[in-house]
Amino acid sequence: MVGPKRHFLPLILISFAAFIFYTFHQSSLPSSIPEPNPDFTLRTPIRNLNPISHNFTFVIKVLAYNRLESISRCLRSLAAADYLGDRVHLHIYIDHFALADASSVDQKLHDSHRIVEYADGFEWKFGEKVVHYRTSNVGLQAQWLEAWWPSSDDEFAFVVEDDLEVSSLYYEFVKSLIMNFYYNASNYSPSIYGVTLQRARFVPGKHGNKLKLDDKTRLFLYQLVGTWGQILFPKPWKEFRLWYDKNKAKGIKPFLEGMVTTGWYKKMGERIWTPWFIKFIQSRGYFNIYANFLHERALSVSHRDAGVNYGKTAGPDSQLLEERSLDFNILEMQPLSSLKWFDFCFREVHPDAIIRNLLCHFERLNIRNYILMGPPSDSLFDLARRGHPVINVDQFVSSVGLYKLTSQGSSFETIKGILAKAYVIKKCIENKYNTWVMDGSMLVTSDLLLESQDSNDDFCVANNLDLFYAKSSSSSEKIWANDFVSKVVAMADSLARKDSATHGSLSFVYILTKLLEQNGARIKRVDETSFGMKIGSDNVSKSSLGDKKLVYWSTDMGLDSIQKRLEELNLWGIDSDLSCTAVVCHNS
């Protein structure tokens, strides 16, 4: 059904980065979560609880190569752990030496066979033991990626490189976490991909923050995988394996600008797997559970023996936490709502704060015609469940058909967003809606912005913002008809393939402006400072806002700073529970 001749539909398009930083796990944070049990004791809670699932399975995957001393130390520590009477399976994967290297082949055969014999003879009384001795050298990447395919959503894998040593307490701790953050429906987040036992000691984002936690923070979430003792949850791992398969088959590299790990990949290539997983985690907005045991203590320790990652032995990275050194209740679990979440730059991120604040302002301004657009995420689905109009970019692009592209990686994701925006604008124009397109780093302060455009102009663009206005008219509809959308995507693809392509040249507004100019469209260019106010590090006041209709900020600005500036302008409309601070009723 075609609406009236003139509508104003502010189409709020959330950029990929902003969506990940601020909205990745909202649906995982319920409004009411039980507080920790004050009677939760150290040694007995798990045995006395009902089974978490009759299908619960825990499999240890030990990755070994040519270090007999390392694997013997590792296996002895695993066998010394308390498994609470559970059946726990041990699978040992022994990589072969490279056959191309014929030097000292007899010695290498001898060393390999000693490791196989040791693994064969090692007693494992907790469950089945399987030894897999490879016929050729596959390297560390394949050792990790091929070690596990979950048999069910109740199977968990503990991947252990052979130079690790674990605490006898590790299994109790891990099982308690799985009970609290996987099987507890009120405390579950599909954005959590696993648990690491290693101490957080590295920030992969260039120029990121220092690893700094207060002494009261026992558990926290951090995007980085912890390969020195990583427990993997089944669903995210399957998702990653399929994502890896798709990207690897298409020749897409796991480049992620601004990350130290990209340099590792460029140097070591397919010998390492973590750049692939980190790229996947960034695209999905997933997080890992870490523990902060203070005094450089951890439940798993890497001895950093000489191998793929170290040219010579570097020694243990942490102090192994054992029961004799405990000075706290290791099994006390905080509710998910109280945990802190950190991105790859070790910046604390908050669920939905920017989007929630935006929606509260829409309610106050009585703006009802809007669409939220972003990549697939739990938060996007939760917003849809709550009745907000949303577009899943991946699903949308798949439904309309993606044009043949040659660009890869982050450019491919950007182009998908550009296609989705262009297609939605086309449909809005056809249905007689005037449309504003803005990203998540803007906040309208007045609905007058929506009515302020000169009727002689079909389009309006800001000089330095991703802000775009399209009026529904016969001339704009004519321009947008036929193959205009395909031209938008073709130009984006072309720019992405040029080495000189910058973030600015691949922006939605830049591309649309160029194509509209080629079609002789009437475009009004505006200086965003004439109607908008940029907030940054300097303090502001409500009086400084004046009659500005828009507030905007850099995408590099941290949430705490954004919140502080918006509070100074009286534009922060949510409380600590992410609820609107006021209910505003409007006459129908």
Protein backbone atom coordinates (compact mmCIF):
# COMPACT_ATOMS: atom_id res chain seq x y z
CA MET A 1 0.00 0.00 0.00
CA VAL A 2 1.45 3.38 -1.05
CA GLY A 3 1.50 5.99 1.70
CA PRO A 4 0.57 9.67 1.42
CA LYS A 5 2.55 11.89 -0.87
CA ARG A 6 4.93 13.22 1.79
CA HIS A 7 6.42 11.29 4.65
CA PHE A 8 9.58 11.75 6.61
CA LEU A 9 11.37 8.48 7.32
CA PRO A 10 14.69 8.92 9.12
CA LEU A 11 16.51 5.76 8.19
CA ILE A 12 19.06 5.12 10.93
CA LEU A 13 21.86 3.00 9.53
CA ILE A 14 24.29 1.76 12.14
CA SER A 15 27.83 1.37 10.88
CA PHE A 16 29.46 -2.03 11.33
CA ALA A 17 32.06 -0.83 13.85
CA ALA A 18 29.56 1.07 15.97
CA PHE A 19 27.20 -1.87 15.96
CA ILE A 20 29.88 -4.23 17.24
CA PHE A 21 31.21 -1.84 19.87
CA TYR A 22 27.87 -0.94 21.40
CA THR A 23 25.21 -3.54 20.69
CA PHE A 24 26.76 -7.03 20.29
CA HIS A 25 25.29 -8.79 23.33
CA GLN A 26 22.23 -6.93 24.63
CA SER A 27 19.82 -9.84 24.45
CA SER A 28 22.14 -11.83 26.65
CA LEU A 29 21.64 -9.47 29.57
CA PRO A 30 18.29 -10.21 31.19
CA SER A 31 16.66 -7.69 33.48
CA SER A 32 16.70 -10.07 36.42
CA ILE A 33 19.54 -12.46 37.20
CA PRO A 34 19.99 -14.30 40.50
CA GLU A 35 22.70 -12.97 42.76
CA PRO A 36 25.64 -15.30 43.60
CA ASN A 37 24.92 -17.80 46.34
CA PRO A 38 26.73 -16.64 49.50
CA ASP A 39 26.98 -20.28 50.66
CA PHE A 40 28.86 -21.30 47.48
CA THR A 41 31.86 -23.25 48.84
CA LEU A 42 35.06 -24.33 47.22
CA ARG A 43 34.99 -28.11 46.91
CA THR A 44 31.39 -29.33 47.00
CA PRO A 45 28.96 -27.30 44.86
CA ILE A 46 29.19 -29.18 41.58
CA ARG A 47 28.80 -32.67 43.02
CA ASN A 48 25.58 -31.71 44.80
CA LEU A 49 23.81 -30.13 41.84
CA ASN A 50 21.63 -31.89 39.32
CA PRO A 51 23.40 -32.89 36.08
CA ILE A 52 23.79 -29.88 33.79
CA SER A 53 22.83 -32.07 30.84
CA HIS A 54 22.74 -35.81 30.48
CA ASN A 55 24.58 -35.27 27.17
CA PHE A 56 27.33 -33.06 28.66
CA THR A 57 30.68 -34.16 27.24
CA PHE A 58 34.14 -32.76 27.92
CA VAL A 59 36.97 -33.68 25.56
CA ILE A 60 40.61 -32.72 26.01
CA LYS A 61 42.47 -32.20 22.74
CA VAL A 62 46.25 -32.29 23.23
CA LEU A 63 48.30 -31.00 20.30
CA ALA A 64 51.84 -32.42 20.21
CA TYR A 65 54.78 -32.40 17.84
CA ASN A 66 58.36 -33.21 18.77
CA ARG A 67 58.73 -32.29 22.44
CA LEU A 68 58.66 -35.39 24.64
CA GLU A 69 59.49 -33.55 27.85
CA SER A 70 56.74 -31.02 27.15
CA ILE A 71 53.98 -33.53 26.44
CA SER A 72 54.90 -35.71 29.43
CA ARG A 73 54.69 -32.68 31.75
CA CYS A 74 51.40 -31.65 30.14
CA LEU A 75 49.75 -35.07 30.38
CA ARG A 76 50.86 -35.58 33.99
CA SER A 77 49.24 -32.28 34.98
CA LEU A 78 46.00 -33.17 33.16
CA ALA A 79 45.87 -36.54 34.91
CA ALA A 80 46.38 -34.88 38.30
CA ALA A 81 43.22 -32.76 38.00
CA ASP A 82 40.02 -33.52 39.91
CA TYR A 83 37.34 -34.53 37.39
CA LEU A 84 34.58 -34.90 40.00
CA GLY A 85 33.81 -38.45 38.96
CA ASP A 86 32.89 -37.33 35.40
CA ARG A 87 33.92 -39.14 32.25
CA VAL A 88 36.43 -36.94 30.47
CA HIS A 89 38.00 -38.04 27.19
CA LEU A 90 41.60 -37.48 26.10
CA HIS A 91 42.51 -37.17 22.42
CA ILE A 92 46.20 -36.73 21.54
CA TYR A 93 47.17 -35.41 18.09
CA ILE A 94 50.83 -35.93 17.23
CA ASP A 95 52.02 -34.04 14.18
CA HIS A 96 54.62 -35.67 11.91
CA PHE A 97 57.92 -34.03 11.05
CA ALA A 98 58.26 -32.53 7.57
CA LEU A 99 59.21 -35.28 5.11
CA ALA A 100 60.81 -32.75 2.76
CA ASP A 101 63.57 -32.22 5.31
CA ALA A 102 65.73 -35.33 4.93
CA SER A 103 68.40 -34.21 7.40
CA SER A 104 68.69 -36.33 10.55
CA VAL A 105 65.68 -38.38 9.46
CA ASP A 106 66.62 -41.31 11.67
CA GLN A 107 66.84 -39.10 14.74
CA LYS A 108 63.51 -37.48 13.93
CA LEU A 109 61.87 -40.87 13.49
CA HIS A 110 63.30 -41.96 16.81
CA ASP A 111 62.02 -38.83 18.58
CA SER A 112 58.55 -39.13 17.02
CA HIS A 113 58.24 -42.80 17.92
CA ARG A 114 59.25 -42.10 21.52
CA ILE A 115 56.40 -39.59 21.77
CA VAL A 116 53.94 -42.06 20.22
CA GLU A 117 55.09 -44.77 22.61
CA TYR A 118 54.74 -42.44 25.58
CA ALA A 119 51.22 -41.38 24.53
CA ASP A 120 50.26 -45.03 23.91
CA GLY A 121 51.46 -46.07 27.33
CA PHE A 122 50.08 -43.11 29.25
CA GLU A 123 47.38 -44.18 31.67
CA TRP A 124 44.14 -42.19 31.45
CA LYS A 125 41.53 -43.49 33.87
CA PHE A 126 38.83 -40.81 33.40
CA GLY A 127 37.45 -41.80 30.01
CA GLU A 128 38.52 -42.92 26.55
CA LYS A 129 41.99 -42.13 25.25
CA VAL A 130 42.63 -41.77 21.53
CA VAL A 131 46.04 -41.23 19.94
CA HIS A 132 46.15 -39.80 16.42
CA TYR A 133 49.62 -39.98 14.81
CA ARG A 134 49.65 -38.06 11.56
CA THR A 135 51.33 -39.44 8.45
CA SER A 136 52.62 -36.05 7.32
CA ASN A 137 53.35 -32.66 8.78
CA VAL A 138 50.25 -30.41 8.84
CA GLY A 139 51.42 -27.62 11.13
CA LEU A 140 49.86 -25.78 14.05
CA GLN A 141 46.92 -24.30 12.10
CA ALA A 142 45.59 -27.66 10.94
CA GLN A 143 46.29 -29.20 14.34
CA TRP A 144 43.90 -26.67 15.90
CA LEU A 145 41.27 -26.51 13.18
CA GLU A 146 41.02 -30.24 12.53
CA ALA A 147 41.14 -31.36 16.15
CA TRP A 148 37.44 -30.94 16.82
CA TRP A 149 34.05 -30.93 15.22
CA PRO A 150 31.41 -30.92 18.01
CA SER A 151 29.17 -33.96 18.00
CA SER A 152 26.42 -32.00 19.78
CA ASP A 153 25.65 -28.68 21.44
CA ASP A 154 26.60 -30.32 24.74
CA GLU A 155 30.17 -31.23 23.79
CA PHE A 156 32.99 -28.92 24.90
CA ALA A 157 36.64 -29.07 23.85
CA PHE A 158 39.67 -28.10 25.91
CA VAL A 159 42.48 -27.53 23.39
CA VAL A 160 45.89 -27.94 25.01
CA GLU A 161 49.21 -27.30 23.30
CA ASP A 162 51.86 -29.66 24.62
CA ASP A 163 53.96 -27.06 26.45
CA LEU A 164 51.07 -26.20 28.77
CA GLU A 165 50.70 -27.22 32.38
CA VAL A 166 47.32 -27.04 34.11
CA SER A 167 46.21 -26.67 37.71
CA SER A 168 44.50 -29.56 39.46
CA LEU A 169 41.61 -27.11 40.05
CA TYR A 170 40.99 -26.32 36.42
CA TYR A 171 38.12 -28.74 35.69
CA GLU A 172 36.02 -27.69 38.68
CA PHE A 173 36.40 -24.08 37.62
CA VAL A 174 35.57 -24.74 33.96
CA LYS A 175 32.56 -26.89 34.72
CA SER A 176 31.24 -24.26 37.13
CA LEU A 177 31.56 -21.62 34.39
CA ILE A 178 29.77 -23.84 31.88
CA MET A 179 26.97 -24.43 34.36
CA ASN A 180 26.60 -20.72 35.08
CA PHE A 181 27.13 -19.16 31.65
CA TYR A 182 26.03 -21.88 29.21
CA TYR A 183 23.34 -24.00 30.84
CA ASN A 184 21.79 -21.28 33.00
CA ALA A 185 19.23 -19.82 30.58
CA SER A 186 18.89 -16.58 32.54
CA ASN A 187 22.66 -16.06 32.51
CA TYR A 188 23.48 -17.22 28.97
CA SER A 189 24.87 -15.21 26.07
CA PRO A 190 25.31 -16.62 22.56
CA SER A 191 28.03 -13.97 22.16
CA ILE A 192 30.37 -15.96 24.43
CA TYR A 193 32.50 -18.43 22.49
CA GLY A 194 34.45 -20.03 25.31
CA VAL A 195 36.62 -19.82 28.40
CA THR A 196 40.37 -19.44 28.65
CA LEU A 197 42.44 -20.52 31.62
CA GLN A 198 45.44 -18.38 30.77
CA ARG A 199 46.11 -14.98 32.26
CA ALA A 200 45.24 -12.00 30.06
CA ARG A 201 48.58 -10.52 29.10
CA PHE A 202 48.29 -9.11 25.58
CA VAL A 203 46.33 -6.41 23.72
CA PRO A 204 46.31 -7.07 19.93
CA GLY A 205 44.90 -3.71 18.89
CA LYS A 206 47.65 -1.27 17.99
CA HIS A 207 47.81 1.68 20.41
CA GLY A 208 45.31 -0.13 22.63
CA ASN A 209 44.91 0.38 26.34
CA LYS A 210 47.07 -1.28 28.95
CA LEU A 211 45.70 -4.41 30.60
CA LYS A 212 44.48 -2.90 33.82
CA LEU A 213 41.87 -4.45 36.09
CA ASP A 214 40.94 -3.66 39.65
CA ASP A 215 41.53 -6.30 42.32
CA LYS A 216 37.79 -6.92 42.71
CA THR A 217 37.33 -8.00 39.08
CA ARG A 218 37.46 -11.80 39.20
CA LEU A 219 35.77 -12.65 35.88
CA PHE A 220 35.56 -10.52 32.75
CA LEU A 221 34.95 -10.90 29.02
CA TYR A 222 37.56 -10.09 26.42
CA GLN A 223 37.39 -10.66 22.66
CA LEU A 224 40.87 -12.18 22.38
CA VAL A 225 41.23 -15.96 22.17
CA GLY A 226 43.48 -17.43 24.88
CA THR A 227 45.37 -20.25 23.16
CA TRP A 228 47.28 -21.21 26.31
CA GLY A 229 44.34 -23.13 27.74
CA GLN A 230 41.23 -22.45 25.64
CA ILE A 231 37.89 -24.18 26.22
CA LEU A 232 35.68 -23.87 23.14
CA PHE A 233 31.88 -23.82 23.10
CA PRO A 234 30.33 -25.95 20.34
CA LYS A 235 28.04 -23.56 18.45
CA PRO A 236 30.52 -20.68 17.89
CA TRP A 237 33.27 -23.14 16.93
CA LYS A 238 31.10 -24.76 14.27
CA GLU A 239 30.16 -21.32 13.00
CA PHE A 240 33.82 -20.35 12.83
CA ARG A 241 34.83 -23.51 10.97
CA LEU A 242 32.18 -22.90 8.30
CA TRP A 243 33.15 -19.22 8.06
CA TYR A 244 36.81 -20.19 7.72
CA ASP A 245 35.98 -22.75 5.05
CA LYS A 246 34.04 -20.20 3.02
CA ASN A 247 36.65 -17.44 3.26
CA LYS A 248 39.62 -19.74 2.70
CA ALA A 249 37.98 -21.30 -0.37
CA LYS A 250 37.41 -17.84 -1.86
CA GLY A 251 41.00 -16.73 -1.27
CA ILE A 252 40.03 -14.11 1.31
CA LYS A 253 42.83 -13.28 3.74
CA PRO A 254 42.22 -12.63 7.46
CA PHE A 255 43.55 -9.08 7.32
CA LEU A 256 42.26 -6.77 10.04
CA GLU A 257 43.86 -3.34 9.95
CA GLY A 258 45.00 -1.95 13.28
CA MET A 259 45.73 -5.41 14.69
CA VAL A 260 49.18 -6.76 15.53
CA THR A 261 48.01 -10.20 14.46
CA THR A 262 47.73 -9.07 10.84
CA GLY A 263 51.49 -8.55 10.85
CA TRP A 264 51.93 -12.03 12.27
CA TYR A 265 49.88 -13.49 9.43
CA LYS A 266 51.80 -11.56 6.78
CA LYS A 267 55.02 -12.96 8.23
CA MET A 268 53.97 -16.54 9.08
CA GLY A 269 51.03 -17.12 6.74
CA GLU A 270 49.12 -20.36 7.16
CA ARG A 271 51.44 -21.65 9.86
CA ILE A 272 49.23 -19.91 12.44
CA TRP A 273 45.46 -19.95 12.89
CA THR A 274 44.72 -17.15 15.36
CA PRO A 275 44.44 -14.30 12.77
CA TRP A 276 41.59 -16.24 11.15
CA PHE A 277 39.78 -16.70 14.43
CA ILE A 278 40.33 -13.08 15.48
CA LYS A 279 38.90 -11.85 12.17
CA PHE A 280 35.86 -14.07 12.71
CA ILE A 281 35.40 -12.86 16.30
CA GLN A 282 35.58 -9.23 15.16
CA SER A 283 32.94 -9.86 12.48
CA ARG A 284 30.56 -11.51 14.94
CA GLY A 285 31.23 -9.48 18.08
CA TYR A 286 31.97 -12.56 20.19
CA PHE A 287 33.73 -12.67 23.57
CA ASN A 288 35.80 -15.03 25.70
CA ILE A 289 35.59 -15.48 29.49
CA TYR A 290 38.81 -14.64 31.35
CA ALA A 291 39.67 -14.86 35.04
CA ASN A 292 41.71 -12.37 37.04
CA PHE A 293 43.38 -14.30 39.89
CA LEU A 294 45.89 -11.54 40.73
CA HIS A 295 49.65 -11.89 41.34
CA GLU A 296 50.16 -13.28 37.80
CA ARG A 297 48.37 -16.53 38.70
CA ALA A 298 46.45 -18.70 36.25
CA LEU A 299 44.91 -22.16 35.94
CA SER A 300 47.06 -22.92 32.90
CA VAL A 301 50.64 -21.93 32.30
CA SER A 302 52.59 -21.96 29.05
CA HIS A 303 56.23 -22.93 29.50
CA ARG A 304 56.83 -21.35 26.09
CA ASP A 305 59.12 -24.16 24.98
CA ALA A 306 61.05 -23.77 21.73
CA GLY A 307 58.80 -24.48 18.74
CA VAL A 308 56.65 -22.69 16.14
CA ASN A 309 56.03 -19.65 18.35
CA TYR A 310 59.39 -19.42 20.15
CA GLY A 311 62.86 -19.89 18.72
CA LYS A 312 64.17 -20.84 22.15
CA THR A 313 62.51 -21.71 25.44
CA ALA A 314 61.23 -18.60 27.23
CA GLY A 315 59.94 -20.20 30.43
CA PRO A 316 56.54 -20.08 32.17
CA ASP A 317 54.39 -17.03 31.54
CA SER A 318 52.47 -17.17 34.85
CA GLN A 319 52.32 -18.77 38.27
CA LEU A 320 50.19 -21.90 38.42
CA LEU A 321 47.26 -21.49 40.81
CA GLU A 322 46.87 -24.48 43.13
CA GLU A 323 44.67 -25.10 46.14
CA ARG A 324 47.43 -24.45 48.65
CA SER A 325 47.76 -20.86 47.37
CA LEU A 326 44.03 -20.07 47.26
CA ASP A 327 42.95 -16.99 49.19
CA PHE A 328 39.46 -16.66 47.66
CA ASN A 329 36.53 -18.83 46.54
CA ILE A 330 37.51 -19.81 43.01
CA LEU A 331 34.04 -21.19 42.23
CA GLU A 332 32.04 -18.11 43.15
CA MET A 333 30.32 -16.90 39.98
CA GLN A 334 29.10 -13.37 39.38
CA PRO A 335 25.97 -12.77 37.28
CA LEU A 336 26.65 -11.92 33.66
CA SER A 337 25.13 -8.46 34.12
CA SER A 338 27.90 -7.53 36.55
CA LEU A 339 30.82 -8.55 34.32
CA LYS A 340 32.89 -6.12 32.29
CA TRP A 341 33.34 -6.60 28.55
CA PHE A 342 36.48 -5.52 26.66
CA ASP A 343 37.19 -5.29 22.94
CA PHE A 344 40.47 -5.97 21.10
CA CYS A 345 41.83 -2.57 22.23
CA PHE A 346 40.93 -3.47 25.82
CA ARG A 347 38.32 -0.74 25.83
CA GLU A 348 35.36 -1.48 28.01
CA VAL A 349 32.22 -1.81 25.93
CA HIS A 350 28.64 -1.59 27.06
CA PRO A 351 25.57 -3.31 25.66
CA ASP A 352 23.30 -1.20 23.54
CA ALA A 353 24.05 2.10 25.27
CA ILE A 354 24.21 4.23 22.11
CA ILE A 355 21.26 2.53 20.41
CA ARG A 356 19.17 2.62 23.58
CA ASN A 357 19.88 6.31 24.04
CA LEU A 358 18.97 6.94 20.40
CA LEU A 359 15.65 5.12 20.76
CA CYS A 360 14.82 7.00 23.95
CA HIS A 361 15.35 10.27 22.05
CA PHE A 362 13.12 9.06 19.25
CA GLU A 363 10.45 8.42 21.86
CA ARG A 364 10.90 11.90 23.35
CA LEU A 365 10.80 13.56 19.91
CA ASN A 366 7.89 11.38 18.77
CA ILE A 367 9.88 10.03 15.83
CA ARG A 368 8.21 6.80 14.81
CA ASN A 369 9.37 6.27 11.24
CA TYR A 370 12.84 4.78 11.43
CA ILE A 371 14.73 1.66 10.45
CA LEU A 372 17.77 0.26 12.22
CA MET A 373 20.23 -1.54 9.98
CA GLY A 374 23.24 -3.64 10.86
CA PRO A 375 24.99 -7.00 10.51
CA PRO A 376 23.44 -10.07 12.14
CA SER A 377 23.75 -10.05 15.91
CA ASP A 378 21.84 -11.03 19.00
CA SER A 379 21.08 -7.39 19.69
CA LEU A 380 19.59 -6.84 16.23
CA PHE A 381 17.30 -9.83 16.73
CA ASP A 382 16.38 -8.60 20.20
CA LEU A 383 15.45 -5.17 18.84
CA ALA A 384 13.24 -6.88 16.26
CA ARG A 385 11.62 -8.97 19.00
CA ARG A 386 10.86 -5.77 20.90
CA GLY A 387 9.02 -4.39 17.89
CA HIS A 388 11.66 -2.09 16.37
CA PRO A 389 11.99 -2.13 12.56
CA VAL A 390 15.36 -3.66 11.72
CA ILE A 391 17.20 -4.92 8.66
CA ASN A 392 19.74 -7.74 8.90
CA VAL A 393 22.23 -6.64 6.23
CA ASP A 394 23.51 -10.14 5.43
CA GLN A 395 20.04 -11.61 5.10
CA PHE A 396 18.77 -8.60 3.17
CA VAL A 397 21.64 -8.64 0.68
CA SER A 398 21.17 -12.36 0.18
CA SER A 399 17.47 -11.89 -0.54
CA VAL A 400 17.98 -9.17 -3.17
CA GLY A 401 21.03 -10.80 -4.73
CA LEU A 402 24.60 -9.59 -4.37
CA TYR A 403 26.28 -8.36 -7.50
CA LYS A 404 29.50 -10.05 -8.59
CA LEU A 405 32.32 -8.56 -6.57
CA THR A 406 36.09 -8.96 -6.68
CA SER A 407 36.93 -7.17 -3.43
CA GLN A 408 37.46 -9.15 -0.26
CA GLY A 409 37.65 -8.91 3.52
CA SER A 410 36.48 -5.76 5.25
CA SER A 411 35.78 -4.08 1.90
CA PHE A 412 33.31 -6.83 1.07
CA GLU A 413 31.46 -6.21 4.34
CA THR A 414 31.41 -2.46 3.68
CA ILE A 415 30.02 -2.95 0.17
CA LYS A 416 27.23 -5.16 1.52
CA GLY A 417 26.20 -2.27 3.77
CA ILE A 418 26.34 0.18 0.87
CA LEU A 419 24.15 -2.09 -1.27
CA ALA A 420 21.59 -2.48 1.51
CA LYS A 421 21.35 1.28 2.07
CA ALA A 422 21.03 2.04 -1.64
CA TYR A 423 18.30 -0.56 -2.12
CA VAL A 424 16.28 0.61 0.88
CA ILE A 425 16.44 4.24 -0.29
CA LYS A 426 15.20 3.12 -3.71
CA LYS A 427 12.17 1.46 -2.11
CA CYS A 428 11.48 4.48 0.14
CA ILE A 429 11.51 6.82 -2.85
CA GLU A 430 9.20 4.51 -4.80
CA ASN A 431 6.75 4.48 -1.88
CA LYS A 432 6.76 8.30 -1.59
CA TYR A 433 8.88 8.58 1.57
CA ASN A 434 11.49 11.28 2.05
CA THR A 435 14.49 9.62 3.64
CA TRP A 436 17.32 10.61 5.98
CA VAL A 437 20.30 8.25 6.21
CA MET A 438 22.66 8.65 9.14
CA ASP A 439 25.08 6.43 11.04
CA GLY A 440 25.30 5.49 14.69
CA SER A 441 27.68 8.28 15.66
CA MET A 442 24.97 10.95 15.39
CA LEU A 443 22.03 12.01 17.55
CA VAL A 444 19.22 14.25 16.39
CA THR A 445 18.22 16.84 18.99
CA SER A 446 15.11 18.07 17.22
CA ASP A 447 12.61 16.67 14.78
CA LEU A 448 12.92 19.98 12.90
CA LEU A 449 15.93 18.50 11.10
CA LEU A 450 13.53 16.23 9.29
CA GLU A 451 11.55 19.13 7.87
CA SER A 452 14.32 21.57 7.06
CA GLN A 453 15.20 20.76 3.47
CA ASP A 454 14.63 23.09 0.54
CA SER A 455 11.87 21.68 -1.66
CA ASN A 456 13.91 22.54 -4.77
CA ASP A 457 16.61 19.99 -3.91
CA ASP A 458 16.14 16.28 -4.44
CA PHE A 459 19.18 15.35 -2.39
CA CYS A 460 21.25 16.79 0.41
CA VAL A 461 24.69 15.73 1.67
CA ALA A 462 26.92 16.97 4.49
CA ASN A 463 30.48 17.86 3.61
CA ASN A 464 32.21 15.69 6.19
CA LEU A 465 29.54 13.39 7.61
CA ASP A 466 27.88 10.18 6.46
CA LEU A 467 24.60 12.07 6.36
CA PHE A 468 22.36 11.83 3.32
CA TYR A 469 18.85 13.06 2.45
CA ALA A 470 16.73 11.84 -0.46
CA LYS A 471 13.39 13.42 -1.35
CA SER A 472 10.73 11.38 -3.02
CA SER A 473 10.02 13.08 -6.34
CA SER A 474 9.56 12.11 -9.94
CA SER A 475 13.10 13.22 -10.77
CA SER A 476 14.71 11.33 -7.88
CA GLU A 477 12.64 8.24 -8.68
CA LYS A 478 13.80 8.41 -12.29
CA ILE A 479 17.45 8.58 -11.23
CA TRP A 480 17.07 5.69 -8.79
CA ALA A 481 15.25 3.47 -11.26
CA ASN A 482 16.70 0.65 -13.31
CA ASP A 483 20.38 -0.06 -12.69
CA PHE A 484 21.35 2.80 -10.33
CA VAL A 485 21.82 0.45 -7.37
CA SER A 486 24.08 -1.82 -9.42
CA LYS A 487 26.16 1.23 -10.40
CA VAL A 488 26.54 2.11 -6.73
CA VAL A 489 27.87 -1.36 -5.96
CA ALA A 490 30.11 -1.41 -9.06
CA MET A 491 31.74 1.89 -8.06
CA ALA A 492 32.23 0.67 -4.48
CA ASP A 493 33.83 -2.53 -5.77
CA SER A 494 36.09 -0.58 -8.10
CA LEU A 495 37.22 1.78 -5.34
CA ALA A 496 37.86 -1.12 -2.98
CA ARG A 497 40.19 -2.76 -5.49
CA LYS A 498 42.36 0.33 -5.86
CA ASP A 499 45.38 0.47 -3.63
CA SER A 500 44.76 4.18 -3.14
CA ALA A 501 41.22 3.63 -1.89
CA THR A 502 40.70 5.30 1.46
CA HIS A 503 37.97 4.92 4.03
CA GLY A 504 36.50 8.19 2.82
CA SER A 505 36.34 7.18 -0.84
CA LEU A 506 34.54 3.97 0.06
CA SER A 507 31.89 5.78 2.07
CA PHE A 508 28.25 5.51 1.10
CA VAL A 509 27.76 9.29 0.82
CA TYR A 510 30.89 9.79 -1.31
CA ILE A 511 29.81 7.15 -3.83
CA LEU A 512 26.21 8.36 -4.03
CA THR A 513 27.29 11.96 -4.50
CA LYS A 514 29.59 11.06 -7.40
CA LEU A 515 26.93 9.03 -9.21
CA LEU A 516 24.18 11.56 -8.60
CA GLU A 517 26.39 14.31 -10.03
CA GLN A 518 26.90 12.18 -13.15
CA ASN A 519 23.11 11.95 -13.48
CA GLY A 520 22.63 15.72 -13.16
CA ALA A 521 20.76 15.49 -9.87
CA ARG A 522 19.95 18.56 -7.78
CA ILE A 523 22.20 18.17 -4.74
CA LYS A 524 22.43 20.57 -1.85
CA ARG A 525 25.75 20.52 -0.01
CA VAL A 526 25.70 21.70 3.57
CA ASP A 527 28.32 22.43 6.16
CA GLU A 528 27.46 20.16 9.06
CA THR A 529 28.62 22.82 11.52
CA SER A 530 25.73 25.03 10.40
CA PHE A 531 23.15 22.69 11.91
CA GLY A 532 25.23 20.22 13.93
CA MET A 533 27.63 20.26 16.85
CA LYS A 534 30.65 17.97 17.17
CA ILE A 535 31.50 16.72 20.63
CA GLY A 536 34.96 15.59 21.65
CA SER A 537 37.36 15.79 24.57
CA ASP A 538 36.40 19.31 25.67
CA ASN A 539 33.63 19.92 28.17
CA VAL A 540 30.36 21.29 26.81
CA SER A 541 27.19 22.75 28.28
CA LYS A 542 23.54 22.72 27.27
CA SER A 543 23.73 26.40 26.38
CA SER A 544 26.53 25.70 23.89
CA LEU A 545 24.14 23.51 21.89
CA GLY A 546 22.03 26.52 20.93
CA ASP A 547 19.67 25.74 18.07
CA LYS A 548 21.77 22.90 16.64
CA LYS A 549 19.64 20.03 15.39
CA LEU A 550 22.29 17.32 15.43
CA VAL A 551 25.14 16.16 17.66
CA TYR A 552 27.89 13.98 16.19
CA TRP A 553 31.22 12.50 17.26
CA SER A 554 34.20 10.56 15.96
CA THR A 555 33.82 6.79 15.68
CA ASP A 556 37.11 6.52 17.62
CA MET A 557 35.57 8.22 20.66
CA GLY A 558 35.09 5.94 23.66
CA LEU A 559 31.65 5.29 25.11
CA ASP A 560 32.50 6.83 28.48
CA SER A 561 33.47 10.09 26.78
CA ILE A 562 30.37 10.06 24.58
CA GLN A 563 28.14 9.50 27.59
CA LYS A 564 29.84 12.27 29.57
CA ARG A 565 29.42 14.84 26.78
CA LEU A 566 25.81 13.88 26.11
CA GLU A 567 25.05 14.11 29.82
CA GLU A 568 26.49 17.64 29.82
CA LEU A 569 24.11 18.47 26.97
CA ASN A 570 21.19 16.77 28.74
CA LEU A 571 21.00 14.31 25.85
CA TRP A 572 21.79 11.09 27.72
CA GLY A 573 18.37 9.59 28.28
CA ILE A 574 19.09 6.13 29.77
CA ASP A 575 19.98 4.87 33.22
CA SER A 576 22.39 2.13 34.33
CA ASP A 577 19.83 -0.54 33.38
CA LEU A 578 19.71 0.80 29.80
CA SER A 579 16.14 1.95 30.35
CA CYS A 580 14.79 5.34 29.31
CA THR A 581 14.92 7.74 32.25
CA ALA A 582 11.44 9.03 31.41
CA VAL A 583 8.21 7.95 29.78
CA VAL A 584 6.97 10.48 27.24
CA CYS A 585 3.39 10.34 25.99
CA HIS A 586 2.29 12.07 22.80
CA ASN A 587 -1.20 12.74 21.58
CA SER A 588 -2.24 10.39 18.81
